[in-house]
Amino acid sequence: MLQAKFSVKETQARFLNNYKTYGFKDKSSMLRAAIDNFKKEMENERLKQSADLYSEIYLEDDELKEITETAITGWPE
């Protein structure tokens, strides 16, 4: 595993010092979990933005709506 050196605020350091309270074996595992959760959150936000953009494009593009309707004709409901 790689190591990294970084600075945190005093309140963040106090929070990390309570790693056992949150069920972690050490500060590093707590920080890794926080980074993983933040990464997932960022990816989900990008996915939501992409879906919103596709939705907006679809709502504004009559030709795309027509193509979509044609493609689903005959599909079971």
PDB file of N, CA and C in Angstrom:
ATOM      1  N   MET A   1       0.848  -1.177   0.000  1.00  0.00           N
ATOM      2  CA  MET A   1       0.000   0.000   0.000  1.00  0.00           C
ATOM      3  C   MET A   1       0.895   1.242   0.000  1.00  0.00           C
ATOM      4  N   LEU A   2       0.488   2.229  -0.744  1.00  0.00           N
ATOM      5  CA  LEU A   2       1.243   3.478  -0.811  1.00  0.00           C
ATOM      6  C   LEU A   2       0.992   4.332   0.424  1.00  0.00           C
ATOM      7  N   GLN A   3       1.945   5.164   0.739  1.00  0.00           N
ATOM      8  CA  GLN A   3       1.783   6.101   1.840  1.00  0.00           C
ATOM      9  C   GLN A   3       1.763   7.513   1.286  1.00  0.00           C
ATOM     10  N   ALA A   4       1.026   8.376   1.967  1.00  0.00           N
ATOM     11  CA  ALA A   4       0.942   9.783   1.564  1.00  0.00           C
ATOM     12  C   ALA A   4       0.998  10.643   2.812  1.00  0.00           C
ATOM     13  N   LYS A   5       1.581  11.806   2.672  1.00  0.00           N
ATOM     14  CA  LYS A   5       1.643  12.754   3.778  1.00  0.00           C
ATOM     15  C   LYS A   5       0.785  13.948   3.398  1.00  0.00           C
ATOM     16  N   PHE A   6      -0.076  14.369   4.313  1.00  0.00           N
ATOM     17  CA  PHE A   6      -0.960  15.502   4.043  1.00  0.00           C
ATOM     18  C   PHE A   6      -1.295  16.201   5.345  1.00  0.00           C
ATOM     19  N   SER A   7      -1.847  17.385   5.220  1.00  0.00           N
ATOM     20  CA  SER A   7      -2.214  18.184   6.394  1.00  0.00           C
ATOM     21  C   SER A   7      -3.723  18.176   6.569  1.00  0.00           C
ATOM     22  N   VAL A   8      -4.145  18.201   7.835  1.00  0.00           N
ATOM     23  CA  VAL A   8      -5.570  18.287   8.153  1.00  0.00           C
ATOM     24  C   VAL A   8      -5.773  19.375   9.201  1.00  0.00           C
ATOM     25  N   LYS A   9      -7.009  19.834   9.281  1.00  0.00           N
ATOM     26  CA  LYS A   9      -7.351  20.809  10.321  1.00  0.00           C
ATOM     27  C   LYS A   9      -7.387  20.097  11.670  1.00  0.00           C
ATOM     28  N   GLU A  10      -7.297  20.877  12.711  1.00  0.00           N
ATOM     29  CA  GLU A  10      -7.298  20.307  14.061  1.00  0.00           C
ATOM     30  C   GLU A  10      -8.572  19.505  14.326  1.00  0.00           C
ATOM     31  N   THR A  11      -9.709  20.024  13.881  1.00  0.00           N
ATOM     32  CA  THR A  11     -10.978  19.310  14.099  1.00  0.00           C
ATOM     33  C   THR A  11     -11.002  17.989  13.333  1.00  0.00           C
ATOM     34  N   GLN A  12     -10.387  17.970  12.156  1.00  0.00           N
ATOM     35  CA  GLN A  12     -10.326  16.733  11.380  1.00  0.00           C
ATOM     36  C   GLN A  12      -9.412  15.718  12.060  1.00  0.00           C
ATOM     37  N   ALA A  13      -8.328  16.189  12.625  1.00  0.00           N
ATOM     38  CA  ALA A  13      -7.407  15.309  13.348  1.00  0.00           C
ATOM     39  C   ALA A  13      -8.099  14.698  14.564  1.00  0.00           C
ATOM     40  N   ARG A  14      -8.862  15.517  15.294  1.00  0.00           N
ATOM     41  CA  ARG A  14      -9.606  15.002  16.457  1.00  0.00           C
ATOM     42  C   ARG A  14     -10.603  13.938  16.013  1.00  0.00           C
ATOM     43  N   PHE A  15     -11.273  14.195  14.889  1.00  0.00           N
ATOM     44  CA  PHE A  15     -12.232  13.227  14.355  1.00  0.00           C
ATOM     45  C   PHE A  15     -11.513  11.914  14.008  1.00  0.00           C
ATOM     46  N   LEU A  16     -10.389  12.008  13.321  1.00  0.00           N
ATOM     47  CA  LEU A  16      -9.630  10.804  12.961  1.00  0.00           C
ATOM     48  C   LEU A  16      -9.144  10.042  14.191  1.00  0.00           C
ATOM     49  N   ASN A  17      -8.837  10.766  15.250  1.00  0.00           N
ATOM     50  CA  ASN A  17      -8.370  10.119  16.478  1.00  0.00           C
ATOM     51  C   ASN A  17      -9.449   9.258  17.121  1.00  0.00           C
ATOM     52  N   ASN A  18     -10.691   9.441  16.726  1.00  0.00           N
ATOM     53  CA  ASN A  18     -11.800   8.639  17.251  1.00  0.00           C
ATOM     54  C   ASN A  18     -12.117   7.448  16.350  1.00  0.00           C
ATOM     55  N   TYR A  19     -11.145   6.993  15.586  1.00  0.00           N
ATOM     56  CA  TYR A  19     -11.367   5.913  14.618  1.00  0.00           C
ATOM     57  C   TYR A  19     -11.991   4.669  15.250  1.00  0.00           C
ATOM     58  N   LYS A  20     -11.602   4.317  16.478  1.00  0.00           N
ATOM     59  CA  LYS A  20     -12.151   3.126  17.136  1.00  0.00           C
ATOM     60  C   LYS A  20     -13.645   3.274  17.403  1.00  0.00           C
ATOM     61  N   THR A  21     -14.070   4.484  17.734  1.00  0.00           N
ATOM     62  CA  THR A  21     -15.485   4.755  17.994  1.00  0.00           C
ATOM     63  C   THR A  21     -16.337   4.398  16.779  1.00  0.00           C
ATOM     64  N   TYR A  22     -15.763   4.570  15.596  1.00  0.00           N
ATOM     65  CA  TYR A  22     -16.494   4.322  14.355  1.00  0.00           C
ATOM     66  C   TYR A  22     -16.226   2.932  13.779  1.00  0.00           C
ATOM     67  N   GLY A  23     -15.519   2.103  14.539  1.00  0.00           N
ATOM     68  CA  GLY A  23     -15.306   0.715  14.140  1.00  0.00           C
ATOM     69  C   GLY A  23     -14.120   0.468  13.222  1.00  0.00           C
ATOM     70  N   PHE A  24     -13.195   1.390  13.168  1.00  0.00           N
ATOM     71  CA  PHE A  24     -12.021   1.214  12.313  1.00  0.00           C
ATOM     72  C   PHE A  24     -10.836   0.747  13.145  1.00  0.00           C
ATOM     73  N   LYS A  25      -9.926  -0.002  12.508  1.00  0.00           N
ATOM     74  CA  LYS A  25      -8.758  -0.504  13.241  1.00  0.00           C
ATOM     75  C   LYS A  25      -7.673   0.547  13.406  1.00  0.00           C
ATOM     76  N   ASP A  26      -7.678   1.548  12.497  1.00  0.00           N
ATOM     77  CA  ASP A  26      -6.696   2.628  12.599  1.00  0.00           C
ATOM     78  C   ASP A  26      -7.174   3.840  11.796  1.00  0.00           C
ATOM     79  N   LYS A  27      -6.430   4.927  11.915  1.00  0.00           N
ATOM     80  CA  LYS A  27      -6.797   6.165  11.214  1.00  0.00           C
ATOM     81  C   LYS A  27      -6.751   5.983   9.705  1.00  0.00           C
ATOM     82  N   SER A  28      -5.777   5.223   9.238  1.00  0.00           N
ATOM     83  CA  SER A  28      -5.622   5.033   7.793  1.00  0.00           C
ATOM     84  C   SER A  28      -6.831   4.333   7.184  1.00  0.00           C
ATOM     85  N   SER A  29      -7.322   3.295   7.846  1.00  0.00           N
ATOM     86  CA  SER A  29      -8.484   2.583   7.295  1.00  0.00           C
ATOM     87  C   SER A  29      -9.722   3.478   7.309  1.00  0.00           C
ATOM     88  N   MET A  30      -9.829   4.330   8.323  1.00  0.00           N
ATOM     89  CA  MET A  30     -10.949   5.276   8.373  1.00  0.00           C
ATOM     90  C   MET A  30     -10.855   6.276   7.219  1.00  0.00           C
ATOM     91  N   LEU A  31      -9.664   6.777   6.977  1.00  0.00           N
ATOM     92  CA  LEU A  31      -9.463   7.745   5.902  1.00  0.00           C
ATOM     93  C   LEU A  31      -9.682   7.100   4.534  1.00  0.00           C
ATOM     94  N   ARG A  32      -9.215   5.857   4.356  1.00  0.00           N
ATOM     95  CA  ARG A  32      -9.444   5.161   3.082  1.00  0.00           C
ATOM     96  C   ARG A  32     -10.934   4.985   2.817  1.00  0.00           C
ATOM     97  N   ALA A  33     -11.692   4.626   3.849  1.00  0.00           N
ATOM     98  CA  ALA A  33     -13.142   4.470   3.694  1.00  0.00           C
ATOM     99  C   ALA A  33     -13.790   5.800   3.326  1.00  0.00           C
ATOM    100  N   ALA A  34     -13.339   6.876   3.958  1.00  0.00           N
ATOM    101  CA  ALA A  34     -13.889   8.204   3.656  1.00  0.00           C
ATOM    102  C   ALA A  34     -13.593   8.594   2.210  1.00  0.00           C
ATOM    103  N   ILE A  35     -12.381   8.316   1.755  1.00  0.00           N
ATOM    104  CA  ILE A  35     -12.012   8.636   0.370  1.00  0.00           C
ATOM    105  C   ILE A  35     -12.842   7.801  -0.603  1.00  0.00           C
ATOM    106  N   ASP A  36     -13.002   6.515  -0.316  1.00  0.00           N
ATOM    107  CA  ASP A  36     -13.816   5.650  -1.183  1.00  0.00           C
ATOM    108  C   ASP A  36     -15.255   6.147  -1.256  1.00  0.00           C
ATOM    109  N   ASN A  37     -15.813   6.529  -0.105  1.00  0.00           N
ATOM    110  CA  ASN A  37     -17.190   7.042  -0.092  1.00  0.00           C
ATOM    111  C   ASN A  37     -17.304   8.346  -0.871  1.00  0.00           C
ATOM    112  N   PHE A  38     -16.336   9.220  -0.723  1.00  0.00           N
ATOM    113  CA  PHE A  38     -16.348  10.489  -1.448  1.00  0.00           C
ATOM    114  C   PHE A  38     -16.236  10.245  -2.950  1.00  0.00           C
ATOM    115  N   LYS A  39     -15.390   9.304  -3.337  1.00  0.00           N
ATOM    116  CA  LYS A  39     -15.228   8.963  -4.755  1.00  0.00           C
ATOM    117  C   LYS A  39     -16.551   8.472  -5.339  1.00  0.00           C
ATOM    118  N   LYS A  40     -17.236   7.577  -4.615  1.00  0.00           N
ATOM    119  CA  LYS A  40     -18.541   7.083  -5.075  1.00  0.00           C
ATOM    120  C   LYS A  40     -19.544   8.227  -5.199  1.00  0.00           C
ATOM    121  N   GLU A  41     -19.542   9.109  -4.228  1.00  0.00           N
ATOM    122  CA  GLU A  41     -20.449  10.258  -4.244  1.00  0.00           C
ATOM    123  C   GLU A  41     -20.187  11.145  -5.466  1.00  0.00           C
ATOM    124  N   MET A  42     -18.924  11.386  -5.757  1.00  0.00           N
ATOM    125  CA  MET A  42     -18.562  12.206  -6.919  1.00  0.00           C
ATOM    126  C   MET A  42     -18.972  11.522  -8.226  1.00  0.00           C
ATOM    127  N   GLU A  43     -18.748  10.215  -8.316  1.00  0.00           N
ATOM    128  CA  GLU A  43     -19.131   9.468  -9.515  1.00  0.00           C
ATOM    129  C   GLU A  43     -20.645   9.478  -9.697  1.00  0.00           C
ATOM    130  N   ASN A  44     -21.383   9.312  -8.611  1.00  0.00           N
ATOM    131  CA  ASN A  44     -22.847   9.345  -8.685  1.00  0.00           C
ATOM    132  C   ASN A  44     -23.345  10.715  -9.118  1.00  0.00           C
ATOM    133  N   GLU A  45     -22.698  11.762  -8.646  1.00  0.00           N
ATOM    134  CA  GLU A  45     -23.091  13.118  -9.029  1.00  0.00           C
ATOM    135  C   GLU A  45     -22.843  13.338 -10.521  1.00  0.00           C
ATOM    136  N   ARG A  46     -21.702  12.870 -11.021  1.00  0.00           N
ATOM    137  CA  ARG A  46     -21.419  12.988 -12.460  1.00  0.00           C
ATOM    138  C   ARG A  46     -22.433  12.199 -13.282  1.00  0.00           C
ATOM    139  N   LEU A  47     -22.795  11.022 -12.804  1.00  0.00           N
ATOM    140  CA  LEU A  47     -23.782  10.195 -13.497  1.00  0.00           C
ATOM    141  C   LEU A  47     -25.140  10.879 -13.520  1.00  0.00           C
ATOM    142  N   LYS A  48     -25.531  11.491 -12.404  1.00  0.00           N
ATOM    143  CA  LYS A  48     -26.799  12.211 -12.343  1.00  0.00           C
ATOM    144  C   LYS A  48     -26.793  13.396 -13.299  1.00  0.00           C
ATOM    145  N   GLN A  49     -25.682  14.132 -13.332  1.00  0.00           N
ATOM    146  CA  GLN A  49     -25.582  15.272 -14.251  1.00  0.00           C
ATOM    147  C   GLN A  49     -25.686  14.808 -15.702  1.00  0.00           C
ATOM    148  N   SER A  50     -25.064  13.691 -16.009  1.00  0.00           N
ATOM    149  CA  SER A  50     -25.125  13.142 -17.361  1.00  0.00           C
ATOM    150  C   SER A  50     -26.556  12.738 -17.707  1.00  0.00           C
ATOM    151  N   ALA A  51     -27.237  12.079 -16.773  1.00  0.00           N
ATOM    152  CA  ALA A  51     -28.626  11.674 -17.004  1.00  0.00           C
ATOM    153  C   ALA A  51     -29.519  12.896 -17.188  1.00  0.00           C
ATOM    154  N   ASP A  52     -29.294  13.928 -16.400  1.00  0.00           N
ATOM    155  CA  ASP A  52     -30.076  15.163 -16.538  1.00  0.00           C
ATOM    156  C   ASP A  52     -29.858  15.795 -17.906  1.00  0.00           C
ATOM    157  N   LEU A  53     -28.617  15.777 -18.371  1.00  0.00           N
ATOM    158  CA  LEU A  53     -28.301  16.346 -19.683  1.00  0.00           C
ATOM    159  C   LEU A  53     -28.973  15.546 -20.798  1.00  0.00           C
ATOM    160  N   TYR A  54     -28.899  14.222 -20.714  1.00  0.00           N
ATOM    161  CA  TYR A  54     -29.571  13.390 -21.716  1.00  0.00           C
ATOM    162  C   TYR A  54     -31.073  13.639 -21.705  1.00  0.00           C
ATOM    163  N   SER A  55     -31.640  13.775 -20.526  1.00  0.00           N
ATOM    164  CA  SER A  55     -33.069  14.045 -20.405  1.00  0.00           C
ATOM    165  C   SER A  55     -33.426  15.377 -21.049  1.00  0.00           C
ATOM    166  N   GLU A  56     -32.612  16.384 -20.791  1.00  0.00           N
ATOM    167  CA  GLU A  56     -32.847  17.713 -21.358  1.00  0.00           C
ATOM    168  C   GLU A  56     -32.759  17.672 -22.888  1.00  0.00           C
ATOM    169  N   ILE A  57     -31.751  16.975 -23.393  1.00  0.00           N
ATOM    170  CA  ILE A  57     -31.591  16.854 -24.847  1.00  0.00           C
ATOM    171  C   ILE A  57     -32.797  16.141 -25.446  1.00  0.00           C
ATOM    172  N   TYR A  58     -33.225  15.063 -24.799  1.00  0.00           N
ATOM    173  CA  TYR A  58     -34.367  14.293 -25.295  1.00  0.00           C
ATOM    174  C   TYR A  58     -35.624  15.156 -25.342  1.00  0.00           C
ATOM    175  N   LEU A  59     -35.862  15.928 -24.290  1.00  0.00           N
ATOM    176  CA  LEU A  59     -37.063  16.760 -24.231  1.00  0.00           C
ATOM    177  C   LEU A  59     -37.081  17.835 -25.313  1.00  0.00           C
ATOM    178  N   GLU A  60     -35.908  18.274 -25.742  1.00  0.00           N
ATOM    179  CA  GLU A  60     -35.821  19.358 -26.723  1.00  0.00           C
ATOM    180  C   GLU A  60     -35.682  18.867 -28.164  1.00  0.00           C
ATOM    181  N   ASP A  61     -35.517  17.561 -28.370  1.00  0.00           N
ATOM    182  CA  ASP A  61     -35.231  17.032 -29.707  1.00  0.00           C
ATOM    183  C   ASP A  61     -36.374  16.144 -30.190  1.00  0.00           C
ATOM    184  N   ASP A  62     -37.253  16.720 -31.020  1.00  0.00           N
ATOM    185  CA  ASP A  62     -38.408  15.973 -31.518  1.00  0.00           C
ATOM    186  C   ASP A  62     -37.990  14.795 -32.395  1.00  0.00           C
ATOM    187  N   GLU A  63     -36.926  14.959 -33.158  1.00  0.00           N
ATOM    188  CA  GLU A  63     -36.457  13.867 -34.015  1.00  0.00           C
ATOM    189  C   GLU A  63     -35.997  12.678 -33.166  1.00  0.00           C
ATOM    190  N   LEU A  64     -35.322  12.957 -32.070  1.00  0.00           N
ATOM    191  CA  LEU A  64     -34.875  11.899 -31.167  1.00  0.00           C
ATOM    192  C   LEU A  64     -36.067  11.186 -30.544  1.00  0.00           C
ATOM    193  N   LYS A  65     -37.104  11.934 -30.181  1.00  0.00           N
ATOM    194  CA  LYS A  65     -38.319  11.317 -29.633  1.00  0.00           C
ATOM    195  C   LYS A  65     -38.946  10.385 -30.664  1.00  0.00           C
ATOM    196  N   GLU A  66     -38.988  10.834 -31.920  1.00  0.00           N
ATOM    197  CA  GLU A  66     -39.584  10.030 -32.990  1.00  0.00           C
ATOM    198  C   GLU A  66     -38.789   8.741 -33.206  1.00  0.00           C
ATOM    199  N   ILE A  67     -37.471   8.856 -33.230  1.00  0.00           N
ATOM    200  CA  ILE A  67     -36.616   7.673 -33.397  1.00  0.00           C
ATOM    201  C   ILE A  67     -36.844   6.693 -32.250  1.00  0.00           C
ATOM    202  N   THR A  68     -36.934   7.211 -31.041  1.00  0.00           N
ATOM    203  CA  THR A  68     -37.150   6.369 -29.864  1.00  0.00           C
ATOM    204  C   THR A  68     -38.493   5.660 -29.947  1.00  0.00           C
ATOM    205  N   GLU A  69     -39.531   6.389 -30.296  1.00  0.00           N
ATOM    206  CA  GLU A  69     -40.866   5.791 -30.422  1.00  0.00           C
ATOM    207  C   GLU A  69     -40.875   4.702 -31.490  1.00  0.00           C
ATOM    208  N   THR A  70     -40.211   4.956 -32.607  1.00  0.00           N
ATOM    209  CA  THR A  70     -40.138   3.972 -33.687  1.00  0.00           C
ATOM    210  C   THR A  70     -39.405   2.720 -33.209  1.00  0.00           C
ATOM    211  N   ALA A  71     -38.355   2.901 -32.465  1.00  0.00           N
ATOM    212  CA  ALA A  71     -37.547   1.779 -31.992  1.00  0.00           C
ATOM    213  C   ALA A  71     -38.301   0.895 -31.009  1.00  0.00           C
ATOM    214  N   ILE A  72     -39.193   1.478 -30.213  1.00  0.00           N
ATOM    215  CA  ILE A  72     -39.891   0.669 -29.203  1.00  0.00           C
ATOM    216  C   ILE A  72     -41.231   0.133 -29.698  1.00  0.00           C
ATOM    217  N   THR A  73     -41.622   0.496 -30.919  1.00  0.00           N
ATOM    218  CA  THR A  73     -42.880  -0.001 -31.467  1.00  0.00           C
ATOM    219  C   THR A  73     -42.815  -1.521 -31.553  1.00  0.00           C
ATOM    220  N   GLY A  74     -43.831  -2.162 -31.010  1.00  0.00           N
ATOM    221  CA  GLY A  74     -43.900  -3.614 -31.035  1.00  0.00           C
ATOM    222  C   GLY A  74     -43.311  -4.295 -29.816  1.00  0.00           C
ATOM    223  N   TRP A  75     -42.659  -3.544 -28.963  1.00  0.00           N
ATOM    224  CA  TRP A  75     -42.108  -4.132 -27.747  1.00  0.00           C
ATOM    225  C   TRP A  75     -43.238  -4.352 -26.739  1.00  0.00           C
ATOM    226  N   PRO A  76     -43.144  -5.420 -25.970  1.00  0.00           N
ATOM    227  CA  PRO A  76     -44.173  -5.616 -24.931  1.00  0.00           C
ATOM    228  C   PRO A  76     -44.125  -4.494 -23.898  1.00  0.00           C
ATOM    229  N   GLU A  77     -45.277  -4.151 -23.398  1.00  0.00           N
ATOM    230  CA  GLU A  77     -45.343  -3.042 -22.435  1.00  0.00           C
ATOM    231  C   GLU A  77     -45.105  -3.484 -21.030  1.00  0.00           C
TER     232      GLU A  77
END
